[in-house]
Amino acid sequence: MQNAASEDAAFSFCYLKHLAEQACARSVYDAGANVEETTMRKPLLASALALALLAPSYALAASWTKSGTMTRTVRPDATTQNFLDKAWNINNFEIQAGREAQNKANTQEFLDYARRIVRDHTNMDDELKPIVQQDRLNAPNALDKEHQNLLQQLSSTTGARFEERFRTQQIDGHEKAVKLFESYAKNGQNPELKRWAQNAIPTLERHLRDAKALPRATQRSTRAD
């Protein structure tokens, strides 16, 4: 199909060029013989020359249309962009927060939970990347201020205080994440992102349940007694 379009465009260009050359030749020949006829032919000459100049553009446009190689990036709707921004931040925050917990947590429940969220959110992020590339979406490349502040809170604490803060963040964050993903899975405009969001909901719900089951500081002290 691309070759046929190129051949049609080339034929059109040659034909238009031929008309322009004929018009030029006649105008030169008749210039001394009949001024009135030459004046009448000037519009024809101008039109032919204009068409000849436009022919290459026509040929290129026809080639793009037929071949399908010239594609234009479509700006996502506001709901899709908002979801993508938030989902990306959630995933990457959870990975970094989980790694922080793996380094700082003292109890096995927290260490196991941290390992699971790093694994699961890394998998979710790996599944998101090809969607972003395929649909030419614009994903963030750094955490927003909200999630940077949450990470700062984790990095500034240790021991039991770290675990309590980590637990609170995990519950709050996954409650918001479940609502966000459910909303886009139901009302989103991008089919691939909707499918990704729907598939992620069970994992997010499991993380929320597990976060709520993490022992609080008072529970740990009671068990120790």
N, C-alpha and C. Protein backbone atom coordinates (compact mmCIF):
# COMPACT_ATOMS: atom_id res chain seq x y z
N MET A 1 0.83 -1.21 0.00
CA MET A 1 0.00 0.00 0.00
C MET A 1 0.86 1.25 0.00
N GLN A 2 1.99 1.18 0.72
CA GLN A 2 2.87 2.34 0.78
C GLN A 2 3.46 2.62 -0.60
N ASN A 3 3.87 1.55 -1.35
CA ASN A 3 4.45 1.73 -2.67
C ASN A 3 3.43 2.33 -3.62
N ALA A 4 2.17 1.86 -3.54
CA ALA A 4 1.12 2.38 -4.42
C ALA A 4 0.90 3.85 -4.17
N ALA A 5 0.88 4.24 -2.91
CA ALA A 5 0.67 5.66 -2.57
C ALA A 5 1.81 6.50 -3.09
N SER A 6 3.04 5.98 -2.97
CA SER A 6 4.21 6.71 -3.44
C SER A 6 4.17 6.87 -4.96
N GLU A 7 3.75 5.78 -5.67
CA GLU A 7 3.66 5.85 -7.12
C GLU A 7 2.61 6.86 -7.56
N ASP A 8 1.44 6.88 -6.88
CA ASP A 8 0.38 7.85 -7.21
C ASP A 8 0.88 9.27 -7.01
N ALA A 9 1.56 9.47 -5.91
CA ALA A 9 2.06 10.82 -5.60
C ALA A 9 3.10 11.25 -6.62
N ALA A 10 3.98 10.31 -7.01
CA ALA A 10 5.01 10.63 -7.99
C ALA A 10 4.40 10.97 -9.34
N PHE A 11 3.37 10.22 -9.74
CA PHE A 11 2.69 10.50 -11.01
C PHE A 11 2.05 11.89 -10.98
N SER A 12 1.38 12.20 -9.86
CA SER A 12 0.74 13.52 -9.74
C SER A 12 1.77 14.63 -9.83
N PHE A 13 2.90 14.42 -9.20
CA PHE A 13 3.96 15.44 -9.21
C PHE A 13 4.47 15.66 -10.63
N CYS A 14 4.75 14.57 -11.34
CA CYS A 14 5.26 14.67 -12.71
C CYS A 14 4.25 15.35 -13.63
N TYR A 15 2.98 15.01 -13.45
CA TYR A 15 1.94 15.59 -14.31
C TYR A 15 1.83 17.10 -14.08
N LEU A 16 1.82 17.48 -12.82
CA LEU A 16 1.72 18.91 -12.48
C LEU A 16 2.95 19.67 -12.97
N LYS A 17 4.12 19.02 -12.81
CA LYS A 17 5.34 19.67 -13.30
C LYS A 17 5.28 19.87 -14.81
N HIS A 18 4.73 18.86 -15.52
CA HIS A 18 4.59 18.96 -16.98
C HIS A 18 3.69 20.12 -17.36
N LEU A 19 2.57 20.29 -16.65
CA LEU A 19 1.66 21.41 -16.91
C LEU A 19 2.36 22.74 -16.71
N ALA A 20 3.15 22.81 -15.64
CA ALA A 20 3.85 24.06 -15.34
C ALA A 20 4.85 24.39 -16.44
N GLU A 21 5.59 23.38 -16.91
CA GLU A 21 6.57 23.60 -17.96
C GLU A 21 5.90 24.04 -19.26
N GLN A 22 4.75 23.43 -19.57
CA GLN A 22 4.02 23.82 -20.78
C GLN A 22 3.55 25.26 -20.70
N ALA A 23 3.04 25.62 -19.52
CA ALA A 23 2.54 26.99 -19.35
C ALA A 23 3.67 27.99 -19.49
N CYS A 24 4.84 27.67 -18.93
CA CYS A 24 5.99 28.55 -19.03
C CYS A 24 6.42 28.71 -20.49
N ALA A 25 6.48 27.59 -21.21
CA ALA A 25 6.92 27.62 -22.61
C ALA A 25 5.98 28.46 -23.45
N ARG A 26 4.68 28.28 -23.27
CA ARG A 26 3.70 29.04 -24.06
C ARG A 26 3.79 30.53 -23.77
N SER A 27 3.99 30.85 -22.52
CA SER A 27 4.06 32.27 -22.14
C SER A 27 5.26 32.93 -22.78
N VAL A 28 6.40 32.24 -22.81
CA VAL A 28 7.60 32.82 -23.43
C VAL A 28 7.41 32.97 -24.92
N TYR A 29 6.81 31.94 -25.55
CA TYR A 29 6.61 31.96 -27.00
C TYR A 29 5.68 33.08 -27.42
N ASP A 30 4.61 33.25 -26.63
CA ASP A 30 3.58 34.21 -27.01
C ASP A 30 3.86 35.60 -26.50
N ALA A 31 4.92 35.79 -25.77
CA ALA A 31 5.15 37.10 -25.12
C ALA A 31 5.22 38.21 -26.14
N GLY A 32 5.90 37.94 -27.29
CA GLY A 32 6.04 39.00 -28.28
C GLY A 32 4.89 39.03 -29.26
N ALA A 33 4.13 37.96 -29.36
CA ALA A 33 3.09 37.88 -30.38
C ALA A 33 1.79 38.48 -29.94
N ASN A 34 1.38 38.20 -28.73
CA ASN A 34 0.05 38.64 -28.32
C ASN A 34 0.09 38.97 -26.84
N VAL A 35 0.20 40.21 -26.51
CA VAL A 35 0.31 40.64 -25.12
C VAL A 35 -0.95 40.31 -24.35
N GLU A 36 -2.12 40.45 -25.01
CA GLU A 36 -3.39 40.22 -24.32
C GLU A 36 -3.51 38.76 -23.89
N GLU A 37 -3.16 37.81 -24.82
CA GLU A 37 -3.25 36.39 -24.48
C GLU A 37 -2.27 36.01 -23.39
N THR A 38 -1.09 36.64 -23.46
CA THR A 38 -0.09 36.35 -22.43
C THR A 38 -0.59 36.78 -21.07
N THR A 39 -1.24 37.94 -21.03
CA THR A 39 -1.79 38.44 -19.76
C THR A 39 -2.86 37.49 -19.22
N MET A 40 -3.69 36.95 -20.12
CA MET A 40 -4.74 36.02 -19.71
C MET A 40 -4.16 34.72 -19.19
N ARG A 41 -2.98 34.33 -19.69
CA ARG A 41 -2.42 33.05 -19.29
C ARG A 41 -1.64 33.14 -17.99
N LYS A 42 -1.38 34.34 -17.52
CA LYS A 42 -0.60 34.48 -16.29
C LYS A 42 -1.24 33.77 -15.09
N PRO A 43 -2.59 33.90 -14.90
CA PRO A 43 -3.19 33.14 -13.78
C PRO A 43 -2.98 31.64 -13.92
N LEU A 44 -3.08 31.14 -15.17
CA LEU A 44 -2.88 29.71 -15.38
C LEU A 44 -1.46 29.31 -15.02
N LEU A 45 -0.50 30.16 -15.42
CA LEU A 45 0.90 29.88 -15.11
C LEU A 45 1.12 29.86 -13.60
N ALA A 46 0.55 30.83 -12.90
CA ALA A 46 0.74 30.90 -11.45
C ALA A 46 0.13 29.68 -10.76
N SER A 47 -1.05 29.27 -11.22
CA SER A 47 -1.71 28.10 -10.62
C SER A 47 -0.90 26.84 -10.85
N ALA A 48 -0.38 26.69 -12.05
CA ALA A 48 0.39 25.49 -12.36
C ALA A 48 1.66 25.43 -11.53
N LEU A 49 2.32 26.59 -11.40
CA LEU A 49 3.55 26.62 -10.61
C LEU A 49 3.25 26.31 -9.15
N ALA A 50 2.14 26.85 -8.63
CA ALA A 50 1.79 26.60 -7.24
C ALA A 50 1.51 25.12 -7.00
N LEU A 51 0.80 24.50 -7.94
CA LEU A 51 0.50 23.08 -7.80
C LEU A 51 1.78 22.24 -7.86
N ALA A 52 2.69 22.65 -8.72
CA ALA A 52 3.94 21.92 -8.83
C ALA A 52 4.74 21.99 -7.53
N LEU A 53 4.71 23.17 -6.90
CA LEU A 53 5.43 23.33 -5.64
C LEU A 53 4.79 22.53 -4.52
N LEU A 54 3.46 22.39 -4.56
CA LEU A 54 2.75 21.67 -3.51
C LEU A 54 2.82 20.16 -3.69
N ALA A 55 3.15 19.70 -4.87
CA ALA A 55 3.13 18.27 -5.14
C ALA A 55 4.02 17.45 -4.22
N PRO A 56 5.27 17.89 -3.94
CA PRO A 56 6.08 17.08 -3.01
C PRO A 56 5.43 16.93 -1.65
N SER A 57 4.79 18.00 -1.15
CA SER A 57 4.11 17.91 0.15
C SER A 57 2.96 16.93 0.10
N TYR A 58 2.23 16.94 -1.00
CA TYR A 58 1.14 16.00 -1.16
C TYR A 58 1.65 14.56 -1.15
N ALA A 59 2.77 14.37 -1.87
CA ALA A 59 3.33 13.02 -1.95
C ALA A 59 3.75 12.53 -0.57
N LEU A 60 4.39 13.40 0.22
CA LEU A 60 4.84 13.02 1.54
C LEU A 60 3.66 12.71 2.44
N ALA A 61 2.62 13.54 2.40
CA ALA A 61 1.44 13.32 3.24
C ALA A 61 0.76 12.01 2.88
N ALA A 62 0.67 11.72 1.56
CA ALA A 62 0.05 10.47 1.14
C ALA A 62 0.84 9.28 1.64
N SER A 63 2.17 9.40 1.58
CA SER A 63 3.00 8.29 2.04
C SER A 63 2.81 8.05 3.53
N TRP A 64 2.76 9.12 4.36
CA TRP A 64 2.55 8.97 5.80
C TRP A 64 1.21 8.31 6.08
N THR A 65 0.17 8.76 5.36
CA THR A 65 -1.16 8.25 5.62
C THR A 65 -1.27 6.78 5.29
N LYS A 66 -0.73 6.39 4.14
CA LYS A 66 -0.87 5.00 3.70
C LYS A 66 0.00 4.05 4.51
N SER A 67 1.22 4.49 4.82
CA SER A 67 2.15 3.58 5.48
C SER A 67 1.84 3.43 6.96
N GLY A 68 1.27 4.47 7.56
CA GLY A 68 0.97 4.42 8.99
C GLY A 68 2.20 4.64 9.84
N THR A 69 3.32 5.05 9.25
CA THR A 69 4.55 5.22 10.01
C THR A 69 4.60 6.57 10.72
N MET A 70 3.81 7.51 10.29
CA MET A 70 3.80 8.84 10.91
C MET A 70 2.69 8.87 11.95
N THR A 71 3.01 8.72 13.21
CA THR A 71 2.02 8.68 14.28
C THR A 71 2.20 9.89 15.17
N ARG A 72 1.13 10.31 15.80
CA ARG A 72 1.15 11.48 16.66
C ARG A 72 0.82 11.06 18.09
N THR A 73 1.62 11.54 19.04
CA THR A 73 1.38 11.22 20.43
C THR A 73 0.10 11.89 20.91
N VAL A 74 -0.77 11.11 21.53
CA VAL A 74 -2.05 11.62 22.02
C VAL A 74 -1.90 11.99 23.49
N ARG A 75 -2.23 13.21 23.82
CA ARG A 75 -2.15 13.64 25.21
C ARG A 75 -3.25 12.94 26.01
N PRO A 76 -2.88 12.27 27.13
CA PRO A 76 -3.89 11.54 27.90
C PRO A 76 -4.87 12.49 28.56
N ASP A 77 -6.08 12.00 28.83
CA ASP A 77 -7.06 12.82 29.52
C ASP A 77 -6.58 13.08 30.95
N ALA A 78 -7.17 14.07 31.59
CA ALA A 78 -6.72 14.50 32.92
C ALA A 78 -6.83 13.39 33.95
N THR A 79 -7.89 12.59 33.87
CA THR A 79 -8.09 11.50 34.83
C THR A 79 -6.99 10.45 34.69
N THR A 80 -6.63 10.12 33.46
CA THR A 80 -5.57 9.14 33.22
C THR A 80 -4.23 9.66 33.71
N GLN A 81 -3.92 10.91 33.40
CA GLN A 81 -2.63 11.47 33.84
C GLN A 81 -2.56 11.55 35.36
N ASN A 82 -3.66 11.93 35.99
CA ASN A 82 -3.70 12.01 37.45
C ASN A 82 -3.49 10.63 38.08
N PHE A 83 -4.16 9.63 37.51
CA PHE A 83 -3.99 8.26 38.03
C PHE A 83 -2.56 7.77 37.84
N LEU A 84 -2.01 8.00 36.66
CA LEU A 84 -0.65 7.55 36.38
C LEU A 84 0.34 8.19 37.34
N ASP A 85 0.20 9.49 37.58
CA ASP A 85 1.11 10.18 38.50
C ASP A 85 1.03 9.58 39.90
N LYS A 86 -0.18 9.38 40.37
CA LYS A 86 -0.36 8.87 41.74
C LYS A 86 0.06 7.41 41.85
N ALA A 87 -0.29 6.61 40.86
CA ALA A 87 0.06 5.19 40.89
C ALA A 87 1.58 5.00 40.85
N TRP A 88 2.24 5.80 40.02
CA TRP A 88 3.70 5.71 39.93
C TRP A 88 4.33 6.08 41.28
N ASN A 89 3.84 7.13 41.91
CA ASN A 89 4.38 7.55 43.20
C ASN A 89 4.13 6.50 44.28
N ILE A 90 2.94 5.91 44.27
CA ILE A 90 2.62 4.86 45.24
C ILE A 90 3.59 3.68 45.09
N ASN A 91 3.75 3.21 43.86
CA ASN A 91 4.63 2.07 43.62
C ASN A 91 6.05 2.33 44.07
N ASN A 92 6.60 3.44 43.63
CA ASN A 92 8.00 3.72 43.93
C ASN A 92 8.23 4.08 45.39
N PHE A 93 7.24 4.71 46.02
CA PHE A 93 7.36 4.95 47.46
C PHE A 93 7.35 3.64 48.23
N GLU A 94 6.46 2.73 47.88
CA GLU A 94 6.37 1.46 48.60
C GLU A 94 7.66 0.64 48.47
N ILE A 95 8.26 0.69 47.29
CA ILE A 95 9.53 -0.02 47.10
C ILE A 95 10.61 0.56 48.02
N GLN A 96 10.71 1.88 48.04
CA GLN A 96 11.74 2.52 48.87
C GLN A 96 11.44 2.39 50.36
N ALA A 97 10.17 2.52 50.73
CA ALA A 97 9.80 2.37 52.14
C ALA A 97 10.03 0.94 52.60
N GLY A 98 9.73 -0.03 51.74
CA GLY A 98 9.97 -1.43 52.09
C GLY A 98 11.44 -1.71 52.30
N ARG A 99 12.28 -1.15 51.46
CA ARG A 99 13.72 -1.34 51.63
C ARG A 99 14.22 -0.69 52.92
N GLU A 100 13.64 0.46 53.24
CA GLU A 100 14.00 1.12 54.50
C GLU A 100 13.62 0.23 55.69
N ALA A 101 12.46 -0.39 55.59
CA ALA A 101 12.02 -1.28 56.68
C ALA A 101 12.89 -2.52 56.77
N GLN A 102 13.34 -3.02 55.64
CA GLN A 102 14.22 -4.19 55.66
C GLN A 102 15.53 -3.88 56.38
N ASN A 103 15.94 -2.63 56.34
CA ASN A 103 17.19 -2.24 56.99
C ASN A 103 17.00 -1.84 58.46
N LYS A 104 15.78 -1.41 58.83
CA LYS A 104 15.59 -0.83 60.16
C LYS A 104 14.68 -1.62 61.09
N ALA A 105 13.79 -2.43 60.53
CA ALA A 105 12.84 -3.14 61.39
C ALA A 105 13.55 -4.17 62.26
N ASN A 106 12.99 -4.36 63.46
CA ASN A 106 13.58 -5.30 64.42
C ASN A 106 12.80 -6.61 64.55
N THR A 107 11.53 -6.58 64.20
CA THR A 107 10.69 -7.77 64.38
C THR A 107 10.48 -8.49 63.06
N GLN A 108 10.29 -9.80 63.14
CA GLN A 108 10.18 -10.63 61.94
C GLN A 108 8.94 -10.29 61.12
N GLU A 109 7.84 -9.93 61.81
CA GLU A 109 6.61 -9.60 61.08
C GLU A 109 6.83 -8.41 60.14
N PHE A 110 7.55 -7.41 60.62
CA PHE A 110 7.83 -6.24 59.79
C PHE A 110 8.80 -6.57 58.66
N LEU A 111 9.79 -7.38 58.96
CA LEU A 111 10.75 -7.76 57.93
C LEU A 111 10.08 -8.55 56.82
N ASP A 112 9.20 -9.48 57.19
CA ASP A 112 8.48 -10.28 56.18
C ASP A 112 7.55 -9.40 55.36
N TYR A 113 6.85 -8.49 56.03
CA TYR A 113 5.93 -7.60 55.33
C TYR A 113 6.70 -6.71 54.35
N ALA A 114 7.82 -6.16 54.81
CA ALA A 114 8.63 -5.28 53.96
C ALA A 114 9.12 -6.01 52.72
N ARG A 115 9.52 -7.27 52.89
CA ARG A 115 9.99 -8.06 51.75
C ARG A 115 8.86 -8.26 50.74
N ARG A 116 7.65 -8.50 51.22
CA ARG A 116 6.51 -8.73 50.31
C ARG A 116 6.15 -7.47 49.52
N ILE A 117 6.14 -6.33 50.20
CA ILE A 117 5.71 -5.13 49.46
C ILE A 117 6.77 -4.70 48.44
N VAL A 118 8.04 -4.90 48.76
CA VAL A 118 9.08 -4.59 47.78
C VAL A 118 8.92 -5.49 46.55
N ARG A 119 8.71 -6.78 46.79
CA ARG A 119 8.53 -7.73 45.68
C ARG A 119 7.30 -7.40 44.85
N ASP A 120 6.16 -7.18 45.51
CA ASP A 120 4.90 -6.98 44.79
C ASP A 120 4.87 -5.66 44.04
N HIS A 121 5.35 -4.60 44.67
CA HIS A 121 5.31 -3.30 43.99
C HIS A 121 6.37 -3.20 42.90
N THR A 122 7.45 -3.94 43.01
CA THR A 122 8.42 -4.02 41.91
C THR A 122 7.77 -4.71 40.72
N ASN A 123 7.03 -5.78 40.97
CA ASN A 123 6.32 -6.48 39.89
C ASN A 123 5.28 -5.57 39.24
N MET A 124 4.55 -4.82 40.06
CA MET A 124 3.56 -3.89 39.52
C MET A 124 4.22 -2.83 38.65
N ASP A 125 5.35 -2.33 39.10
CA ASP A 125 6.07 -1.30 38.34
C ASP A 125 6.58 -1.87 37.02
N ASP A 126 7.05 -3.10 37.04
CA ASP A 126 7.52 -3.75 35.81
C ASP A 126 6.38 -3.94 34.81
N GLU A 127 5.18 -4.17 35.31
CA GLU A 127 4.02 -4.33 34.43
C GLU A 127 3.52 -2.99 33.89
N LEU A 128 3.78 -1.92 34.65
CA LEU A 128 3.33 -0.59 34.22
C LEU A 128 4.22 -0.02 33.12
N LYS A 129 5.51 -0.29 33.17
CA LYS A 129 6.46 0.33 32.24
C LYS A 129 6.11 0.10 30.77
N PRO A 130 5.81 -1.13 30.34
CA PRO A 130 5.48 -1.30 28.92
C PRO A 130 4.20 -0.59 28.50
N ILE A 131 3.26 -0.42 29.42
CA ILE A 131 2.03 0.32 29.11
C ILE A 131 2.36 1.78 28.85
N VAL A 132 3.20 2.33 29.69
CA VAL A 132 3.62 3.73 29.54
C VAL A 132 4.34 3.92 28.21
N GLN A 133 5.23 3.00 27.86
CA GLN A 133 5.98 3.10 26.62
C GLN A 133 5.10 2.90 25.40
N GLN A 134 4.23 1.89 25.46
CA GLN A 134 3.37 1.58 24.32
C GLN A 134 2.40 2.71 24.01
N ASP A 135 1.81 3.29 25.05
CA ASP A 135 0.82 4.34 24.86
C ASP A 135 1.42 5.74 24.89
N ARG A 136 2.76 5.80 25.00
CA ARG A 136 3.48 7.09 24.99
C ARG A 136 2.95 8.04 26.06
N LEU A 137 2.81 7.50 27.26
CA LEU A 137 2.34 8.29 28.39
C LEU A 137 3.53 8.93 29.10
N ASN A 138 3.25 9.96 29.87
CA ASN A 138 4.30 10.67 30.59
C ASN A 138 4.22 10.32 32.07
N ALA A 139 5.11 9.43 32.50
CA ALA A 139 5.17 9.05 33.91
C ALA A 139 6.19 9.93 34.62
N PRO A 140 6.03 10.15 35.92
CA PRO A 140 7.01 10.93 36.68
C PRO A 140 8.37 10.21 36.69
N ASN A 141 9.40 10.95 37.04
CA ASN A 141 10.72 10.34 37.18
C ASN A 141 11.31 10.55 38.57
N ALA A 142 10.52 11.13 39.47
CA ALA A 142 10.96 11.32 40.86
C ALA A 142 9.73 11.42 41.74
N LEU A 143 9.88 11.03 42.99
CA LEU A 143 8.76 11.10 43.94
C LEU A 143 8.30 12.53 44.14
N ASP A 144 6.99 12.71 44.33
CA ASP A 144 6.46 14.04 44.63
C ASP A 144 6.80 14.40 46.09
N LYS A 145 6.50 15.65 46.45
CA LYS A 145 6.89 16.14 47.77
C LYS A 145 6.21 15.36 48.89
N GLU A 146 4.96 14.97 48.68
CA GLU A 146 4.24 14.21 49.71
C GLU A 146 4.98 12.93 50.07
N HIS A 147 5.38 12.17 49.07
CA HIS A 147 6.03 10.89 49.34
C HIS A 147 7.49 11.06 49.75
N GLN A 148 8.11 12.14 49.30
CA GLN A 148 9.45 12.44 49.80
C GLN A 148 9.42 12.72 51.30
N ASN A 149 8.39 13.44 51.74
CA ASN A 149 8.25 13.74 53.17
C ASN A 149 8.00 12.47 53.98
N LEU A 150 7.20 11.55 53.42
CA LEU A 150 6.95 10.29 54.12
C LEU A 150 8.23 9.48 54.28
N LEU A 151 9.04 9.46 53.22
CA LEU A 151 10.32 8.76 53.33
C LEU A 151 11.24 9.41 54.34
N GLN A 152 11.22 10.75 54.38
CA GLN A 152 12.03 11.47 55.35
C GLN A 152 11.63 11.13 56.78
N GLN A 153 10.34 10.97 57.00
CA GLN A 153 9.86 10.59 58.33
C GLN A 153 10.39 9.21 58.73
N LEU A 154 10.46 8.29 57.77
CA LEU A 154 10.98 6.97 58.07
C LEU A 154 12.48 7.00 58.34
N SER A 155 13.19 7.79 57.55
CA SER A 155 14.64 7.81 57.69
C SER A 155 15.09 8.50 58.97
N SER A 156 14.21 9.29 59.58
CA SER A 156 14.59 10.04 60.78
C SER A 156 14.26 9.30 62.07
N THR A 157 13.71 8.08 61.98
CA THR A 157 13.35 7.32 63.18
C THR A 157 13.97 5.93 63.15
N THR A 158 14.04 5.32 64.30
CA THR A 158 14.59 3.96 64.42
C THR A 158 13.79 3.16 65.44
N GLY A 159 14.06 1.86 65.49
CA GLY A 159 13.48 1.00 66.51
C GLY A 159 11.97 0.94 66.48
N ALA A 160 11.38 0.93 67.67
CA ALA A 160 9.93 0.80 67.81
C ALA A 160 9.20 1.99 67.19
N ARG A 161 9.78 3.17 67.29
CA ARG A 161 9.14 4.36 66.69
C ARG A 161 9.11 4.23 65.18
N PHE A 162 10.15 3.70 64.59
CA PHE A 162 10.16 3.48 63.14
C PHE A 162 9.04 2.51 62.75
N GLU A 163 8.96 1.40 63.44
CA GLU A 163 7.96 0.39 63.09
C GLU A 163 6.54 0.93 63.22
N GLU A 164 6.29 1.72 64.26
CA GLU A 164 4.95 2.29 64.44
C GLU A 164 4.62 3.27 63.33
N ARG A 165 5.59 4.11 62.98
CA ARG A 165 5.36 5.07 61.89
C ARG A 165 5.20 4.35 60.56
N PHE A 166 6.01 3.34 60.33
CA PHE A 166 5.91 2.56 59.10
C PHE A 166 4.55 1.90 58.99
N ARG A 167 4.08 1.32 60.08
CA ARG A 167 2.78 0.66 60.10
C ARG A 167 1.67 1.66 59.77
N THR A 168 1.70 2.82 60.40
CA THR A 168 0.68 3.85 60.15
C THR A 168 0.68 4.28 58.69
N GLN A 169 1.86 4.52 58.14
CA GLN A 169 1.96 4.94 56.74
C GLN A 169 1.43 3.86 55.80
N GLN A 170 1.71 2.61 56.10
CA GLN A 170 1.27 1.53 55.24
C GLN A 170 -0.25 1.40 55.22
N ILE A 171 -0.86 1.57 56.36
CA ILE A 171 -2.33 1.50 56.43
C ILE A 171 -2.95 2.66 55.67
N ASP A 172 -2.50 3.88 55.96
CA ASP A 172 -3.04 5.06 55.28
C ASP A 172 -2.80 5.00 53.78
N GLY A 173 -1.58 4.65 53.40
CA GLY A 173 -1.24 4.64 51.98
C GLY A 173 -2.00 3.60 51.19
N HIS A 174 -2.18 2.42 51.75
CA HIS A 174 -2.89 1.37 51.01
C HIS A 174 -4.40 1.57 51.00
N GLU A 175 -4.93 2.24 52.01
CA GLU A 175 -6.36 2.61 51.96
C GLU A 175 -6.60 3.57 50.80
N LYS A 176 -5.73 4.56 50.65
CA LYS A 176 -5.87 5.51 49.54
C LYS A 176 -5.62 4.82 48.20
N ALA A 177 -4.65 3.91 48.18
CA ALA A 177 -4.32 3.22 46.92
C ALA A 177 -5.47 2.36 46.43
N VAL A 178 -6.11 1.63 47.34
CA VAL A 178 -7.24 0.77 46.94
C VAL A 178 -8.35 1.62 46.33
N LYS A 179 -8.68 2.74 46.95
CA LYS A 179 -9.73 3.62 46.43
C LYS A 179 -9.35 4.18 45.06
N LEU A 180 -8.09 4.60 44.93
CA LEU A 180 -7.62 5.16 43.66
C LEU A 180 -7.69 4.13 42.54
N PHE A 181 -7.19 2.94 42.79
CA PHE A 181 -7.16 1.91 41.75
C PHE A 181 -8.57 1.43 41.41
N GLU A 182 -9.43 1.31 42.41
CA GLU A 182 -10.82 0.91 42.14
C GLU A 182 -11.53 1.94 41.28
N SER A 183 -11.29 3.21 41.56
CA SER A 183 -11.94 4.27 40.81
C SER A 183 -11.50 4.26 39.35
N TYR A 184 -10.20 4.11 39.11
CA TYR A 184 -9.75 4.13 37.71
C TYR A 184 -10.14 2.84 36.99
N ALA A 185 -10.10 1.72 37.69
CA ALA A 185 -10.51 0.46 37.06
C ALA A 185 -11.96 0.53 36.60
N LYS A 186 -12.76 1.33 37.28
CA LYS A 186 -14.18 1.45 36.93
C LYS A 186 -14.43 2.57 35.93
N ASN A 187 -13.74 3.69 36.07
CA ASN A 187 -14.08 4.88 35.29
C ASN A 187 -12.99 5.37 34.35
N GLY A 188 -11.84 4.70 34.33
CA GLY A 188 -10.72 5.18 33.52
C GLY A 188 -10.97 5.09 32.02
N GLN A 189 -10.16 5.84 31.25
CA GLN A 189 -10.33 5.90 29.81
C GLN A 189 -9.31 5.04 29.05
N ASN A 190 -8.18 4.74 29.68
CA ASN A 190 -7.15 3.96 29.00
C ASN A 190 -7.36 2.47 29.30
N PRO A 191 -7.64 1.66 28.30
CA PRO A 191 -7.97 0.24 28.53
C PRO A 191 -6.83 -0.53 29.21
N GLU A 192 -5.59 -0.30 28.78
CA GLU A 192 -4.46 -1.04 29.37
C GLU A 192 -4.25 -0.65 30.83
N LEU A 193 -4.37 0.65 31.13
CA LEU A 193 -4.22 1.09 32.51
C LEU A 193 -5.37 0.59 33.38
N LYS A 194 -6.56 0.55 32.83
CA LYS A 194 -7.71 0.02 33.58
C LYS A 194 -7.48 -1.44 33.95
N ARG A 195 -6.98 -2.22 32.99
CA ARG A 195 -6.71 -3.63 33.25
C ARG A 195 -5.61 -3.79 34.30
N TRP A 196 -4.58 -2.97 34.19
CA TRP A 196 -3.48 -3.01 35.16
C TRP A 196 -3.98 -2.65 36.55
N ALA A 197 -4.81 -1.62 36.64
CA ALA A 197 -5.36 -1.20 37.93
C ALA A 197 -6.23 -2.30 38.54
N GLN A 198 -7.08 -2.91 37.72
CA GLN A 198 -7.96 -3.97 38.21
C GLN A 198 -7.16 -5.16 38.73
N ASN A 199 -6.11 -5.52 38.00
CA ASN A 199 -5.29 -6.67 38.42
C ASN A 199 -4.51 -6.39 39.70
N ALA A 200 -4.24 -5.12 39.96
CA ALA A 200 -3.44 -4.76 41.14
C ALA A 200 -4.26 -4.68 42.42
N ILE A 201 -5.57 -4.54 42.31
CA ILE A 201 -6.41 -4.33 43.49
C ILE A 201 -6.28 -5.45 44.52
N PRO A 202 -6.33 -6.73 44.14
CA PRO A 202 -6.18 -7.79 45.16
C PRO A 202 -4.87 -7.70 45.92
N THR A 203 -3.79 -7.34 45.25
CA THR A 203 -2.49 -7.19 45.92
C THR A 203 -2.53 -6.05 46.92
N LEU A 204 -3.10 -4.93 46.52
CA LEU A 204 -3.19 -3.77 47.42
C LEU A 204 -4.07 -4.08 48.63
N GLU A 205 -5.16 -4.79 48.40
CA GLU A 205 -6.04 -5.16 49.51
C GLU A 205 -5.33 -6.11 50.48
N ARG A 206 -4.55 -7.01 49.94
CA ARG A 206 -3.80 -7.93 50.80
C ARG A 206 -2.76 -7.17 51.62
N HIS A 207 -2.09 -6.22 50.99
CA HIS A 207 -1.13 -5.39 51.72
C HIS A 207 -1.81 -4.63 52.85
N LEU A 208 -2.99 -4.13 52.59
CA LEU A 208 -3.72 -3.38 53.61
C LEU A 208 -4.07 -4.28 54.79
N ARG A 209 -4.56 -5.46 54.50
CA ARG A 209 -4.87 -6.40 55.58
C ARG A 209 -3.62 -6.76 56.39
N ASP A 210 -2.54 -7.01 55.68
CA ASP A 210 -1.30 -7.39 56.37
C ASP A 210 -0.74 -6.23 57.20
N ALA A 211 -0.89 -5.02 56.70
CA ALA A 211 -0.41 -3.85 57.44
C ALA A 211 -1.19 -3.68 58.75
N LYS A 212 -2.49 -3.87 58.66
CA LYS A 212 -3.32 -3.76 59.87
C LYS A 212 -2.99 -4.87 60.87
N ALA A 213 -2.50 -5.99 60.39
CA ALA A 213 -2.17 -7.11 61.27
C ALA A 213 -0.79 -6.98 61.91
N LEU A 214 0.01 -6.01 61.46
CA LEU A 214 1.33 -5.82 62.05
C LEU A 214 1.17 -5.43 63.53
N PRO A 215 2.00 -5.99 64.39
CA PRO A 215 1.86 -5.69 65.83
C PRO A 215 2.23 -4.25 66.15
N ARG A 216 1.46 -3.65 67.03
CA ARG A 216 1.77 -2.31 67.50
C ARG A 216 2.78 -2.41 68.65
N ALA A 217 3.35 -1.28 69.01
CA ALA A 217 4.38 -1.27 70.05
C ALA A 217 3.84 -1.80 71.37
N THR A 218 2.61 -1.43 71.72
CA THR A 218 2.02 -1.90 72.99
C THR A 218 1.82 -3.40 72.98
N GLN A 219 1.45 -3.96 71.82
CA GLN A 219 1.26 -5.39 71.72
C GLN A 219 2.57 -6.13 71.88
N ARG A 220 3.64 -5.57 71.32
CA ARG A 220 4.94 -6.22 71.42
C ARG A 220 5.45 -6.21 72.87
N SER A 221 5.23 -5.09 73.54
CA SER A 221 5.69 -5.00 74.93
C SER A 221 4.89 -5.94 75.82
N THR A 222 3.59 -6.13 75.52
CA THR A 222 2.75 -7.03 76.31
C THR A 222 3.21 -8.48 76.12
N ARG A 223 3.52 -8.85 74.85
CA ARG A 223 3.95 -10.21 74.58
C ARG A 223 5.32 -10.47 75.22
N ALA A 224 6.16 -9.44 75.25
CA ALA A 224 7.48 -9.60 75.87
C ALA A 224 7.37 -9.84 77.36
N ASP A 225 6.38 -9.19 78.01
CA ASP A 225 6.15 -9.39 79.44
C ASP A 225 5.60 -10.79 79.71
